[in-house]
Amino acid sequence: MKTVVTLSSRGVITLPAKLRKALHLRPQDKLIAETTPDGLLLRPAATLPIEFYTAERIAEFEQAEVELGEVLRQR
């Protein structure tokens, strides 16, 4: 699908609703803007939350592994 978009004086581009719907884009979705030999490429960005674990949480994971090992040995 090709469509024309307008760049505002503040550098804001509004993607038409048909294009957003076709690409399953929602408010606050992140896009990667990349220059290519053909011009500008916009593509959805995959963002994943980063989780930091405390020593206590790591100990919980390790204990769960031990418990799982015991259950599997019983089978």
PDB file of N, CA and C in Angstrom:
ATOM      1  N   MET A   1       0.851  -1.173   0.000  1.00  0.00           N
ATOM      2  CA  MET A   1       0.000   0.000   0.000  1.00  0.00           C
ATOM      3  C   MET A   1       0.895   1.234   0.000  1.00  0.00           C
ATOM      4  N   LYS A   2       0.598   2.151  -0.861  1.00  0.00           N
ATOM      5  CA  LYS A   2       1.321   3.421  -0.911  1.00  0.00           C
ATOM      6  C   LYS A   2       0.360   4.530  -0.537  1.00  0.00           C
ATOM      7  N   THR A   3       0.877   5.499   0.193  1.00  0.00           N
ATOM      8  CA  THR A   3       0.059   6.648   0.572  1.00  0.00           C
ATOM      9  C   THR A   3       0.972   7.850   0.762  1.00  0.00           C
ATOM     10  N   VAL A   4       0.416   9.017   0.664  1.00  0.00           N
ATOM     11  CA  VAL A   4       1.171  10.254   0.858  1.00  0.00           C
ATOM     12  C   VAL A   4       0.920  10.737   2.279  1.00  0.00           C
ATOM     13  N   VAL A   5       1.996  11.109   2.961  1.00  0.00           N
ATOM     14  CA  VAL A   5       1.882  11.687   4.296  1.00  0.00           C
ATOM     15  C   VAL A   5       2.513  13.063   4.266  1.00  0.00           C
ATOM     16  N   THR A   6       2.148  13.901   5.224  1.00  0.00           N
ATOM     17  CA  THR A   6       2.660  15.263   5.288  1.00  0.00           C
ATOM     18  C   THR A   6       3.520  15.429   6.524  1.00  0.00           C
ATOM     19  N   LEU A   7       4.626  16.083   6.370  1.00  0.00           N
ATOM     20  CA  LEU A   7       5.537  16.378   7.468  1.00  0.00           C
ATOM     21  C   LEU A   7       5.198  17.763   8.002  1.00  0.00           C
ATOM     22  N   SER A   8       4.884  17.861   9.298  1.00  0.00           N
ATOM     23  CA  SER A   8       4.535  19.162   9.881  1.00  0.00           C
ATOM     24  C   SER A   8       5.795  19.991  10.115  1.00  0.00           C
ATOM     25  N   SER A   9       5.607  21.233  10.479  1.00  0.00           N
ATOM     26  CA  SER A   9       6.749  22.115  10.749  1.00  0.00           C
ATOM     27  C   SER A   9       7.552  21.637  11.957  1.00  0.00           C
ATOM     28  N   ARG A  10       6.937  20.816  12.811  1.00  0.00           N
ATOM     29  CA  ARG A  10       7.636  20.260  13.973  1.00  0.00           C
ATOM     30  C   ARG A  10       8.265  18.908  13.668  1.00  0.00           C
ATOM     31  N   GLY A  11       8.136  18.430  12.424  1.00  0.00           N
ATOM     32  CA  GLY A  11       8.728  17.158  12.048  1.00  0.00           C
ATOM     33  C   GLY A  11       7.845  15.965  12.335  1.00  0.00           C
ATOM     34  N   VAL A  12       6.557  16.196  12.565  1.00  0.00           N
ATOM     35  CA  VAL A  12       5.622  15.127  12.896  1.00  0.00           C
ATOM     36  C   VAL A  12       4.961  14.607  11.624  1.00  0.00           C
ATOM     37  N   ILE A  13       4.930  13.275  11.495  1.00  0.00           N
ATOM     38  CA  ILE A  13       4.242  12.626  10.380  1.00  0.00           C
ATOM     39  C   ILE A  13       3.013  11.929  10.949  1.00  0.00           C
ATOM     40  N   THR A  14       1.867  12.135  10.307  1.00  0.00           N
ATOM     41  CA  THR A  14       0.656  11.425  10.698  1.00  0.00           C
ATOM     42  C   THR A  14       0.400  10.334   9.675  1.00  0.00           C
ATOM     43  N   LEU A  15       0.320   9.097  10.153  1.00  0.00           N
ATOM     44  CA  LEU A  15       0.017   7.985   9.260  1.00  0.00           C
ATOM     45  C   LEU A  15      -1.491   7.854   9.136  1.00  0.00           C
ATOM     46  N   PRO A  16      -2.014   7.792   7.916  1.00  0.00           N
ATOM     47  CA  PRO A  16      -3.455   7.666   7.739  1.00  0.00           C
ATOM     48  C   PRO A  16      -4.002   6.408   8.411  1.00  0.00           C
ATOM     49  N   ALA A  17      -5.259   6.477   8.842  1.00  0.00           N
ATOM     50  CA  ALA A  17      -5.894   5.377   9.564  1.00  0.00           C
ATOM     51  C   ALA A  17      -5.854   4.072   8.770  1.00  0.00           C
ATOM     52  N   LYS A  18      -6.075   4.120   7.460  1.00  0.00           N
ATOM     53  CA  LYS A  18      -6.047   2.900   6.645  1.00  0.00           C
ATOM     54  C   LYS A  18      -4.676   2.215   6.742  1.00  0.00           C
ATOM     55  N   LEU A  19      -3.630   2.997   6.709  1.00  0.00           N
ATOM     56  CA  LEU A  19      -2.273   2.454   6.783  1.00  0.00           C
ATOM     57  C   LEU A  19      -2.004   1.875   8.174  1.00  0.00           C
ATOM     58  N   ARG A  20      -2.404   2.608   9.218  1.00  0.00           N
ATOM     59  CA  ARG A  20      -2.215   2.104  10.586  1.00  0.00           C
ATOM     60  C   ARG A  20      -2.969   0.795  10.789  1.00  0.00           C
ATOM     61  N   LYS A  21      -4.190   0.738  10.265  1.00  0.00           N
ATOM     62  CA  LYS A  21      -4.987  -0.471  10.413  1.00  0.00           C
ATOM     63  C   LYS A  21      -4.360  -1.635   9.654  1.00  0.00           C
ATOM     64  N   ALA A  22      -3.896  -1.394   8.445  1.00  0.00           N
ATOM     65  CA  ALA A  22      -3.290  -2.448   7.625  1.00  0.00           C
ATOM     66  C   ALA A  22      -2.035  -3.007   8.289  1.00  0.00           C
ATOM     67  N   LEU A  23      -1.314  -2.157   9.015  1.00  0.00           N
ATOM     68  CA  LEU A  23      -0.069  -2.577   9.676  1.00  0.00           C
ATOM     69  C   LEU A  23      -0.272  -2.955  11.138  1.00  0.00           C
ATOM     70  N   HIS A  24      -1.524  -2.890  11.600  1.00  0.00           N
ATOM     71  CA  HIS A  24      -1.853  -3.213  12.998  1.00  0.00           C
ATOM     72  C   HIS A  24      -1.069  -2.330  13.971  1.00  0.00           C
ATOM     73  N   LEU A  25      -0.959  -1.048  13.653  1.00  0.00           N
ATOM     74  CA  LEU A  25      -0.261  -0.102  14.522  1.00  0.00           C
ATOM     75  C   LEU A  25      -1.260   0.528  15.480  1.00  0.00           C
ATOM     76  N   ARG A  26      -0.832   0.684  16.724  1.00  0.00           N
ATOM     77  CA  ARG A  26      -1.671   1.282  17.764  1.00  0.00           C
ATOM     78  C   ARG A  26      -0.961   2.500  18.348  1.00  0.00           C
ATOM     79  N   PRO A  27      -1.711   3.350  19.044  1.00  0.00           N
ATOM     80  CA  PRO A  27      -1.067   4.497  19.696  1.00  0.00           C
ATOM     81  C   PRO A  27       0.074   4.038  20.598  1.00  0.00           C
ATOM     82  N   GLN A  28       1.127   4.773  20.610  1.00  0.00           N
ATOM     83  CA  GLN A  28       2.336   4.541  21.411  1.00  0.00           C
ATOM     84  C   GLN A  28       3.231   3.426  20.859  1.00  0.00           C
ATOM     85  N   ASP A  29       2.848   2.785  19.733  1.00  0.00           N
ATOM     86  CA  ASP A  29       3.753   1.825  19.109  1.00  0.00           C
ATOM     87  C   ASP A  29       5.010   2.551  18.656  1.00  0.00           C
ATOM     88  N   LYS A  30       6.121   1.877  18.711  1.00  0.00           N
ATOM     89  CA  LYS A  30       7.396   2.445  18.287  1.00  0.00           C
ATOM     90  C   LYS A  30       7.693   2.015  16.857  1.00  0.00           C
ATOM     91  N   LEU A  31       8.267   2.918  16.083  1.00  0.00           N
ATOM     92  CA  LEU A  31       8.691   2.632  14.720  1.00  0.00           C
ATOM     93  C   LEU A  31      10.173   2.947  14.588  1.00  0.00           C
ATOM     94  N   ILE A  32      10.851   2.198  13.755  1.00  0.00           N
ATOM     95  CA  ILE A  32      12.246   2.481  13.439  1.00  0.00           C
ATOM     96  C   ILE A  32      12.254   3.249  12.127  1.00  0.00           C
ATOM     97  N   ALA A  33      12.891   4.399  12.106  1.00  0.00           N
ATOM     98  CA  ALA A  33      13.055   5.192  10.889  1.00  0.00           C
ATOM     99  C   ALA A  33      14.483   4.983  10.405  1.00  0.00           C
ATOM    100  N   GLU A  34      14.608   4.585   9.156  1.00  0.00           N
ATOM    101  CA  GLU A  34      15.921   4.227   8.623  1.00  0.00           C
ATOM    102  C   GLU A  34      16.063   4.809   7.214  1.00  0.00           C
ATOM    103  N   THR A  35      17.223   5.376   6.923  1.00  0.00           N
ATOM    104  CA  THR A  35      17.471   5.845   5.575  1.00  0.00           C
ATOM    105  C   THR A  35      17.994   4.683   4.740  1.00  0.00           C
ATOM    106  N   THR A  36      17.511   4.612   3.513  1.00  0.00           N
ATOM    107  CA  THR A  36      17.937   3.581   2.573  1.00  0.00           C
ATOM    108  C   THR A  36      18.286   4.274   1.260  1.00  0.00           C
ATOM    109  N   PRO A  37      18.910   3.571   0.333  1.00  0.00           N
ATOM    110  CA  PRO A  37      19.185   4.188  -0.970  1.00  0.00           C
ATOM    111  C   PRO A  37      17.910   4.672  -1.676  1.00  0.00           C
ATOM    112  N   ASP A  38      16.765   4.061  -1.348  1.00  0.00           N
ATOM    113  CA  ASP A  38      15.494   4.466  -1.961  1.00  0.00           C
ATOM    114  C   ASP A  38      14.796   5.588  -1.218  1.00  0.00           C
ATOM    115  N   GLY A  39      15.258   5.937  -0.018  1.00  0.00           N
ATOM    116  CA  GLY A  39      14.614   6.990   0.753  1.00  0.00           C
ATOM    117  C   GLY A  39      14.463   6.613   2.211  1.00  0.00           C
ATOM    118  N   LEU A  40      13.297   6.897   2.768  1.00  0.00           N
ATOM    119  CA  LEU A  40      13.028   6.649   4.184  1.00  0.00           C
ATOM    120  C   LEU A  40      12.213   5.376   4.345  1.00  0.00           C
ATOM    121  N   LEU A  41      12.639   4.527   5.271  1.00  0.00           N
ATOM    122  CA  LEU A  41      11.923   3.294   5.572  1.00  0.00           C
ATOM    123  C   LEU A  41      11.444   3.372   7.014  1.00  0.00           C
ATOM    124  N   LEU A  42      10.146   3.174   7.229  1.00  0.00           N
ATOM    125  CA  LEU A  42       9.570   3.090   8.569  1.00  0.00           C
ATOM    126  C   LEU A  42       9.135   1.650   8.785  1.00  0.00           C
ATOM    127  N   ARG A  43       9.521   1.077   9.919  1.00  0.00           N
ATOM    128  CA  ARG A  43       9.091  -0.285  10.216  1.00  0.00           C
ATOM    129  C   ARG A  43       8.840  -0.417  11.706  1.00  0.00           C
ATOM    130  N   PRO A  44       7.918  -1.303  12.066  1.00  0.00           N
ATOM    131  CA  PRO A  44       7.617  -1.491  13.494  1.00  0.00           C
ATOM    132  C   PRO A  44       8.849  -1.956  14.256  1.00  0.00           C
ATOM    133  N   ALA A  45       8.983  -1.450  15.468  1.00  0.00           N
ATOM    134  CA  ALA A  45      10.095  -1.841  16.339  1.00  0.00           C
ATOM    135  C   ALA A  45       9.573  -2.808  17.382  1.00  0.00           C
ATOM    136  N   ALA A  46      10.307  -3.858  17.597  1.00  0.00           N
ATOM    137  CA  ALA A  46       9.959  -4.798  18.663  1.00  0.00           C
ATOM    138  C   ALA A  46      10.613  -4.301  19.942  1.00  0.00           C
ATOM    139  N   THR A  47       9.810  -4.020  20.937  1.00  0.00           N
ATOM    140  CA  THR A  47      10.346  -3.582  22.217  1.00  0.00           C
ATOM    141  C   THR A  47       9.985  -4.609  23.269  1.00  0.00           C
ATOM    142  N   LEU A  48      10.965  -4.972  24.043  1.00  0.00           N
ATOM    143  CA  LEU A  48      10.769  -5.961  25.086  1.00  0.00           C
ATOM    144  C   LEU A  48      11.161  -5.357  26.423  1.00  0.00           C
ATOM    145  N   PRO A  49      10.369  -5.597  27.447  1.00  0.00           N
ATOM    146  CA  PRO A  49      10.731  -5.063  28.759  1.00  0.00           C
ATOM    147  C   PRO A  49      11.976  -5.768  29.293  1.00  0.00           C
ATOM    148  N   ILE A  50      12.784  -5.015  29.976  1.00  0.00           N
ATOM    149  CA  ILE A  50      13.979  -5.575  30.609  1.00  0.00           C
ATOM    150  C   ILE A  50      13.663  -5.772  32.084  1.00  0.00           C
ATOM    151  N   GLU A  51      13.977  -6.936  32.587  1.00  0.00           N
ATOM    152  CA  GLU A  51      13.691  -7.241  33.980  1.00  0.00           C
ATOM    153  C   GLU A  51      15.013  -7.498  34.702  1.00  0.00           C
ATOM    154  N   PHE A  52      15.207  -6.828  35.806  1.00  0.00           N
ATOM    155  CA  PHE A  52      16.398  -7.025  36.618  1.00  0.00           C
ATOM    156  C   PHE A  52      15.998  -7.844  37.840  1.00  0.00           C
ATOM    157  N   TYR A  53      16.768  -8.871  38.139  1.00  0.00           N
ATOM    158  CA  TYR A  53      16.443  -9.760  39.236  1.00  0.00           C
ATOM    159  C   TYR A  53      17.331  -9.501  40.444  1.00  0.00           C
ATOM    160  N   THR A  54      16.699  -9.494  41.601  1.00  0.00           N
ATOM    161  CA  THR A  54      17.441  -9.387  42.848  1.00  0.00           C
ATOM    162  C   THR A  54      18.027 -10.758  43.170  1.00  0.00           C
ATOM    163  N   ALA A  55      18.948 -10.789  44.097  1.00  0.00           N
ATOM    164  CA  ALA A  55      19.535 -12.061  44.524  1.00  0.00           C
ATOM    165  C   ALA A  55      18.463 -12.991  45.081  1.00  0.00           C
ATOM    166  N   GLU A  56      17.487 -12.424  45.777  1.00  0.00           N
ATOM    167  CA  GLU A  56      16.405 -13.223  46.337  1.00  0.00           C
ATOM    168  C   GLU A  56      15.571 -13.864  45.222  1.00  0.00           C
ATOM    169  N   ARG A  57      15.298 -13.098  44.177  1.00  0.00           N
ATOM    170  CA  ARG A  57      14.498 -13.626  43.070  1.00  0.00           C
ATOM    171  C   ARG A  57      15.268 -14.730  42.336  1.00  0.00           C
ATOM    172  N   ILE A  58      16.550 -14.556  42.163  1.00  0.00           N
ATOM    173  CA  ILE A  58      17.379 -15.584  41.532  1.00  0.00           C
ATOM    174  C   ILE A  58      17.357 -16.856  42.372  1.00  0.00           C
ATOM    175  N   ALA A  59      17.400 -16.706  43.691  1.00  0.00           N
ATOM    176  CA  ALA A  59      17.333 -17.861  44.587  1.00  0.00           C
ATOM    177  C   ALA A  59      15.990 -18.582  44.424  1.00  0.00           C
ATOM    178  N   GLU A  60      14.910 -17.834  44.219  1.00  0.00           N
ATOM    179  CA  GLU A  60      13.601 -18.445  43.988  1.00  0.00           C
ATOM    180  C   GLU A  60      13.622 -19.275  42.707  1.00  0.00           C
ATOM    181  N   PHE A  61      14.234 -18.757  41.659  1.00  0.00           N
ATOM    182  CA  PHE A  61      14.339 -19.497  40.405  1.00  0.00           C
ATOM    183  C   PHE A  61      15.120 -20.792  40.609  1.00  0.00           C
ATOM    184  N   GLU A  62      16.223 -20.679  41.328  1.00  0.00           N
ATOM    185  CA  GLU A  62      17.059 -21.865  41.555  1.00  0.00           C
ATOM    186  C   GLU A  62      16.311 -22.915  42.372  1.00  0.00           C
ATOM    187  N   GLN A  63      15.556 -22.481  43.367  1.00  0.00           N
ATOM    188  CA  GLN A  63      14.768 -23.411  44.176  1.00  0.00           C
ATOM    189  C   GLN A  63      13.686 -24.077  43.321  1.00  0.00           C
ATOM    190  N   ALA A  64      13.066 -23.313  42.453  1.00  0.00           N
ATOM    191  CA  ALA A  64      12.045 -23.880  41.574  1.00  0.00           C
ATOM    192  C   ALA A  64      12.654 -24.926  40.649  1.00  0.00           C
ATOM    193  N   GLU A  65      13.880 -24.695  40.197  1.00  0.00           N
ATOM    194  CA  GLU A  65      14.572 -25.682  39.358  1.00  0.00           C
ATOM    195  C   GLU A  65      14.814 -26.974  40.125  1.00  0.00           C
ATOM    196  N   VAL A  66      15.222 -26.844  41.396  1.00  0.00           N
ATOM    197  CA  VAL A  66      15.456 -28.027  42.238  1.00  0.00           C
ATOM    198  C   VAL A  66      14.156 -28.799  42.411  1.00  0.00           C
ATOM    199  N   GLU A  67      13.068 -28.086  42.702  1.00  0.00           N
ATOM    200  CA  GLU A  67      11.769 -28.722  42.897  1.00  0.00           C
ATOM    201  C   GLU A  67      11.297 -29.404  41.622  1.00  0.00           C
ATOM    202  N   LEU A  68      11.489 -28.780  40.501  1.00  0.00           N
ATOM    203  CA  LEU A  68      11.100 -29.369  39.218  1.00  0.00           C
ATOM    204  C   LEU A  68      11.914 -30.634  38.955  1.00  0.00           C
ATOM    205  N   GLY A  69      13.202 -30.597  39.263  1.00  0.00           N
ATOM    206  CA  GLY A  69      14.046 -31.776  39.098  1.00  0.00           C
ATOM    207  C   GLY A  69      13.551 -32.943  39.928  1.00  0.00           C
ATOM    208  N   GLU A  70      13.116 -32.666  41.150  1.00  0.00           N
ATOM    209  CA  GLU A  70      12.595 -33.726  42.024  1.00  0.00           C
ATOM    210  C   GLU A  70      11.302 -34.313  41.446  1.00  0.00           C
ATOM    211  N   VAL A  71      10.421 -33.472  40.942  1.00  0.00           N
ATOM    212  CA  VAL A  71       9.168 -33.944  40.356  1.00  0.00           C
ATOM    213  C   VAL A  71       9.463 -34.804  39.129  1.00  0.00           C
ATOM    214  N   LEU A  72      10.381 -34.371  38.299  1.00  0.00           N
ATOM    215  CA  LEU A  72      10.683 -35.119  37.079  1.00  0.00           C
ATOM    216  C   LEU A  72      11.342 -36.464  37.397  1.00  0.00           C
ATOM    217  N   ARG A  73      12.156 -36.510  38.438  1.00  0.00           N
ATOM    218  CA  ARG A  73      12.805 -37.774  38.821  1.00  0.00           C
ATOM    219  C   ARG A  73      11.756 -38.787  39.316  1.00  0.00           C
ATOM    220  N   GLN A  74      10.681 -38.319  39.907  1.00  0.00           N
ATOM    221  CA  GLN A  74       9.639 -39.209  40.441  1.00  0.00           C
ATOM    222  C   GLN A  74       8.816 -39.827  39.312  1.00  0.00           C
ATOM    223  N   ARG A  75       8.875 -39.277  38.144  1.00  0.00           N
ATOM    224  CA  ARG A  75       8.050 -39.785  37.026  1.00  0.00           C
ATOM    225  C   ARG A  75       8.761 -40.883  36.350  1.00  0.00           C
TER     226      ARG A  75
END
